[in-house]
Amino acid sequence: MIKESKKRAYWNLVLTCLMVISLVIAGCSSKGSSPENSPISSSETATDSGAESKIDTSEEVKLKAVFIGGKPVDYELVFEEINKKLKEKVNATLEAEFLDWSDYTQKYPLKFAAGEDFDMIYTANWAYYDSQAAKGGFLELTEELLSTYAPLTWEAMPSVKWDQARVNGKVYMIPYNNQKEFMNTLIMYREDLRQKYNLAPIDSMESLAAYMKAIAANEKGIVPFNQAALTAHEFDNLFLRQQNNWKIFSEFPLAYKIDDPSGQIFNVYETQQFKDMLVYYKDLADSGAWSRNVLTDKPNVADDFKAGKTAVRVSNVTALGGDMAVVRREKPEFQIALADLTPNSKKTAAISTQNGMAVHARSQNPERALMVMDLLQNDQELHDLILNGIPGTHFEPVGDTKLRAAERSGNFGGFSSWGFVSPLTRFNEEYPQEAQDIEKKWAEEVYHFDLETFVFDKTSVTNEVANVGNVMQRYAVPLEYGLVEDLEKGQAELAKQMKAAGLDKIKEELQKQIDAFLSK
């Protein structure tokens, strides 16, 4: 089903919005290590720290990082600058590998299974954090390691974020240090095309469908919507998860209502809401709302929208706000608008594991890897480079907290460097007022629930989870994209395969753990 909340909503999210994330300084201190709301000085570096000054960095180390997302055009140019500064500060250089959005779900776990050589890797609650931590793929980050080799992070990170990152009581990632990111998604669309065909305002499933059908029928060269088909349709975030206030697990089709104090688990595929969505998707597919080759296409959804090849995007407000700024600058003839199609849904915020960086358990240089991660998150020069590119080339600094795009801004970004987001992250001065207004409104409506920090331990059902994931890919995804002619027969086959894959065993184990969590 849905890739954990933001997973893909959030997942397509930040493809182009790294430069526009709006942040506030994180709230509380880390386990008494600093005063509350302690600011981070942009001039403070790891080599300024008394603890790190005693670390022997006389031997140069070459590190490798793995990110999710496409390789930026200016990767070599930017990383050359990054490595100049890393060499100077901690006598290390960093090489990056990029796992494309279209196939990272296959490649990511294989890197661990094959025992490949790398030092650090992006991870998240939607990108294998829990499973790889449980399997021993990540190095445990103890208080001693963090305070010694990542002192700036240890000083700046609120203790609650470490607690949210625990798997069986242990920490395996350095989380991003963002105080607020919303899990709810909305749509961005071409308002000029809506007006061109005199369509009703887009405020519901029905009006969205009418808009997409009109474009499919009349606009040559535009496919209304595209997405790399993974385990669920992007619209599930809107019309299943949000509209019903469900929490849907990313690796299997089980969910609970976030306002249900008992946390009762149910099978999403057995609900009437899911069955109704399949009818909706089939109608859209038959009307040409997306490519018939959607299962094999590997689109860049952000770039396609900016190029005028598509007319609808689904993501979180930060991502879409960032894209609006870019489109308005580069394509002023487009009229772009945002629409919240589930205005009455409960608004939820991301926990710290929404983004982060982990050290590979097999790294030969874990201490130096931590030192580099510490700098990329907390040293202003390196932080700007990894998130925004080279000043004057990819962005122009505006004061201490903002930026504006430069000539080559489109040539660096689109990958998961947002694992390093911190209070140092700049936001785009062009960030649209519409997005700011939505963020302000949602901030006043954030809903907290008992299972907000619950983490499922899949150890006892690892095989079943893998089997269910394969079934989702083979049987559920074609159904959700309207490619199965007989919906009733397709659903029956899906249910049969899910049972054989062991979904009932996962459900039983999940419910047991939730009951235990709620009883504490």
Foldseek 3Di string as FASTA:
>chain_A
DDLFQQCVLVVLFPLPQLQADDFDADAQWAPPLEHGSDDFDLADAQCVDPLQVPDDLVDAEEFEEEWEADDFLCNVVLQVVLQVVLCVRRRYGYHYDYHHPLCCVPVVVVCQVVVHAGWKYKAFLSRCLQPCVLVQFFDFCDPVLCCRQQVLLNGRAYNVQQVLQDHVHTHFWSFAAGRWDWSAKWKKFFVVQCVVVVADDPQALVSVLVSLLVCLVPPPLAQADADSQAQFDLCCSQQPCFQQQWRAHNLFQKIARQPDLLRAIDGNLPDVSNVVLLVSLLVSLVSRNDDPCRNPDRDSRLVCVLVVRHTMDMHGLSRVLSSVLVSCVPPVVTDMDIYRNRVPGFIATARRRRITMGTGSPHPCNSSVSNSLSCCQRNLVNVCSLSFNDDPAQWDDDPQAAIEGDDCVSRDGSIRSSSSHHNSRHRYPSRDPVSVVVVVVNVVRHDDGLCNSPDANCVVPVQLSVQNSVLSSPQVSCSSNSNDPDNVVSSVVSVVSNVVSPVVVVSVSVSVSSNVSSVD
